[in-house]
N, C-alpha and C. Protein backbone atom coordinates (compact mmCIF):
# COMPACT_ATOMS: atom_id res chain seq x y z
N MET A 1 71.68 102.48 124.91
CA MET A 1 71.87 103.68 125.28
C MET A 1 71.53 105.36 124.44
N SER A 2 71.06 105.84 125.90
CA SER A 2 70.22 107.03 125.31
C SER A 2 71.33 107.92 124.73
N LYS A 3 70.95 108.92 123.87
CA LYS A 3 71.36 109.77 123.43
C LYS A 3 72.61 110.48 123.97
N GLY A 4 71.68 110.96 126.05
CA GLY A 4 73.65 111.47 126.44
C GLY A 4 74.26 110.63 127.16
N GLU A 5 73.97 110.25 127.27
CA GLU A 5 75.04 108.62 127.41
C GLU A 5 76.17 108.22 126.12
N TYR A 6 75.29 108.27 125.81
CA TYR A 6 76.47 107.77 123.76
C TYR A 6 77.73 109.97 123.67
N LYS A 7 76.77 111.04 123.94
CA LYS A 7 77.43 112.05 124.15
C LYS A 7 78.35 112.03 125.29
N GLN A 8 78.81 111.29 126.29
CA GLN A 8 79.12 111.06 126.74
C GLN A 8 79.97 110.11 126.86
N PHE A 9 79.82 109.48 126.19
CA PHE A 9 80.98 107.97 125.62
C PHE A 9 82.07 108.41 124.29
N LEU A 10 81.69 109.83 123.82
CA LEU A 10 81.92 109.97 122.64
C LEU A 10 82.95 111.32 123.18
N GLY A 11 82.94 112.15 124.68
CA GLY A 11 83.32 113.46 125.22
C GLY A 11 84.62 112.64 125.33
N MET A 12 84.27 110.98 126.48
CA MET A 12 85.27 110.04 126.76
C MET A 12 85.91 109.69 125.74
N ALA A 13 85.91 108.99 124.74
CA ALA A 13 86.66 109.16 123.19
C ALA A 13 87.95 110.38 122.38
N ARG A 14 86.78 111.15 122.67
CA ARG A 14 88.01 112.26 122.53
C ARG A 14 88.98 112.79 123.26
N GLY A 15 88.35 112.66 124.25
CA GLY A 15 90.03 112.83 125.48
C GLY A 15 90.99 112.15 125.45
N SER A 16 90.30 110.67 125.61
CA SER A 16 91.20 109.11 125.28
C SER A 16 92.07 109.56 124.13
N ASN A 17 92.00 109.56 122.42
CA ASN A 17 92.56 110.61 121.39
C ASN A 17 93.33 112.07 121.62
N LEU A 18 93.19 113.00 122.54
CA LEU A 18 93.75 113.42 122.81
C LEU A 18 95.02 113.17 123.59
N GLU A 19 94.93 112.16 124.64
CA GLU A 19 96.13 111.62 125.30
C GLU A 19 96.96 111.05 124.21
N ALA A 20 96.52 110.20 123.51
CA ALA A 20 97.04 109.36 122.13
C ALA A 20 97.74 110.25 121.49
N GLN A 21 97.29 111.91 121.22
CA GLN A 21 97.76 111.97 120.33
C GLN A 21 99.64 112.95 121.05
N THR A 22 99.06 113.19 122.43
CA THR A 22 99.89 113.81 123.31
C THR A 22 101.27 112.98 123.37
N GLN A 23 100.72 111.40 123.35
CA GLN A 23 102.21 110.54 123.98
C GLN A 23 102.83 110.32 122.31
N LEU A 24 102.29 110.37 120.86
CA LEU A 24 102.56 110.68 119.81
C LEU A 24 103.64 111.22 119.43
N VAL A 25 103.31 112.66 119.99
CA VAL A 25 104.07 113.95 119.59
C VAL A 25 105.61 113.60 121.11
N ILE A 26 105.75 113.68 122.08
CA ILE A 26 106.57 112.99 123.01
C ILE A 26 107.27 112.24 122.93
N ALA A 27 107.10 111.28 122.07
CA ALA A 27 107.49 109.77 121.10
C ALA A 27 108.44 110.57 120.38
N ARG A 28 107.37 111.31 119.50
CA ARG A 28 108.46 112.17 118.38
C ARG A 28 109.84 112.70 118.92
N GLU A 29 109.30 113.13 120.01
CA GLU A 29 110.42 114.65 120.88
C GLU A 29 111.24 114.07 120.73
N LEU A 30 111.01 113.04 121.82
CA LEU A 30 112.47 112.24 122.85
C LEU A 30 113.36 110.58 121.35
N GLY A 31 112.73 111.09 120.19
CA GLY A 31 113.68 110.32 119.00
C GLY A 31 112.79 108.80 119.49
N TYR A 32 112.09 108.21 120.26
CA TYR A 32 111.26 107.15 120.06
C TYR A 32 110.52 106.68 118.56
N GLY A 33 110.91 104.93 118.63
CA GLY A 33 110.60 104.71 117.28
C GLY A 33 110.92 105.30 115.61
N ASN A 34 110.04 105.07 115.06
CA ASN A 34 110.14 105.20 113.54
C ASN A 34 109.58 106.83 113.46
N PRO A 35 110.41 107.79 112.60
CA PRO A 35 109.73 109.54 113.33
C PRO A 35 108.48 109.82 112.06
N GLN A 36 109.14 108.35 110.50
CA GLN A 36 107.79 108.92 109.68
C GLN A 36 106.40 107.58 109.90
N THR A 37 106.46 106.92 110.68
CA THR A 37 105.62 105.98 111.42
C THR A 37 104.70 106.55 112.47
N LEU A 38 105.27 107.58 113.58
CA LEU A 38 104.59 108.63 114.21
C LEU A 38 104.30 109.20 114.10
N LYS A 39 104.28 110.01 113.41
CA LYS A 39 103.77 111.06 111.59
C LYS A 39 102.39 110.77 111.70
N GLU A 40 102.74 109.38 110.91
CA GLU A 40 101.33 108.96 110.95
C GLU A 40 100.85 108.82 111.59
N SER A 41 100.66 108.51 112.34
CA SER A 41 100.00 108.19 113.82
C SER A 41 99.05 108.68 114.28
N GLU A 42 100.17 109.95 114.65
CA GLU A 42 99.42 111.67 114.65
C GLU A 42 98.40 111.50 113.55
N ASP A 43 98.37 111.76 112.53
CA ASP A 43 97.11 112.33 111.56
C ASP A 43 96.29 111.07 111.63
N LEU A 44 96.50 110.23 111.71
CA LEU A 44 95.40 109.31 112.24
C LEU A 44 94.38 109.82 112.83
N SER A 45 94.84 110.00 113.97
CA SER A 45 94.51 110.31 115.64
C SER A 45 94.51 111.80 115.12
N ILE A 46 94.58 112.69 114.15
CA ILE A 46 93.83 114.41 114.24
C ILE A 46 93.29 113.58 113.91
N GLU A 47 92.43 113.14 112.35
CA GLU A 47 91.90 112.18 111.87
C GLU A 47 90.37 111.90 112.04
N VAL A 48 90.61 111.50 113.33
CA VAL A 48 89.81 110.29 114.41
C VAL A 48 88.83 111.50 114.93
N GLY A 49 90.13 112.43 115.51
CA GLY A 49 89.54 113.42 116.46
C GLY A 49 88.85 114.62 115.61
N LYS A 50 88.93 114.56 115.11
CA LYS A 50 88.01 115.60 113.81
C LYS A 50 86.68 114.93 113.36
N MET A 51 86.31 113.73 113.68
CA MET A 51 85.63 112.32 113.43
C MET A 51 84.39 112.29 114.46
N LEU A 52 85.49 112.30 115.49
CA LEU A 52 84.54 112.26 116.63
C LEU A 52 84.05 114.00 117.12
N THR A 53 84.36 114.82 117.01
CA THR A 53 84.06 115.70 116.83
C THR A 53 82.83 116.35 116.01
N ALA A 54 83.38 116.01 114.43
CA ALA A 54 81.84 115.81 114.11
C ALA A 54 80.93 115.25 114.36
N MET A 55 80.67 113.79 115.24
CA MET A 55 79.57 113.15 115.30
C MET A 55 78.99 114.22 116.71
N LEU A 56 79.75 114.33 117.70
CA LEU A 56 79.07 115.19 119.05
C LEU A 56 78.43 116.87 118.17
N LYS A 57 78.89 117.03 117.32
CA LYS A 57 78.27 117.80 117.02
C LYS A 57 76.66 117.52 116.02
N LYS A 58 76.43 116.46 115.27
CA LYS A 58 75.81 116.01 114.88
C LYS A 58 74.57 115.88 115.74
N LEU A 59 74.46 115.53 117.43
CA LEU A 59 73.91 114.96 118.28
C LEU A 59 73.17 116.20 118.56
């Protein structure tokens, strides 16, 4: 995998992660699932986003 392809992959991963965050927020606001579990999932997704951003910046 070339550096450019890897950057593209990380960018797509960031986008997918943001989509997941959006769905978690919607689910929590609509009262689906356990609020604590949804919040923990949101927090984990935010951390993953930070990691992906850091990886992109290092390239």
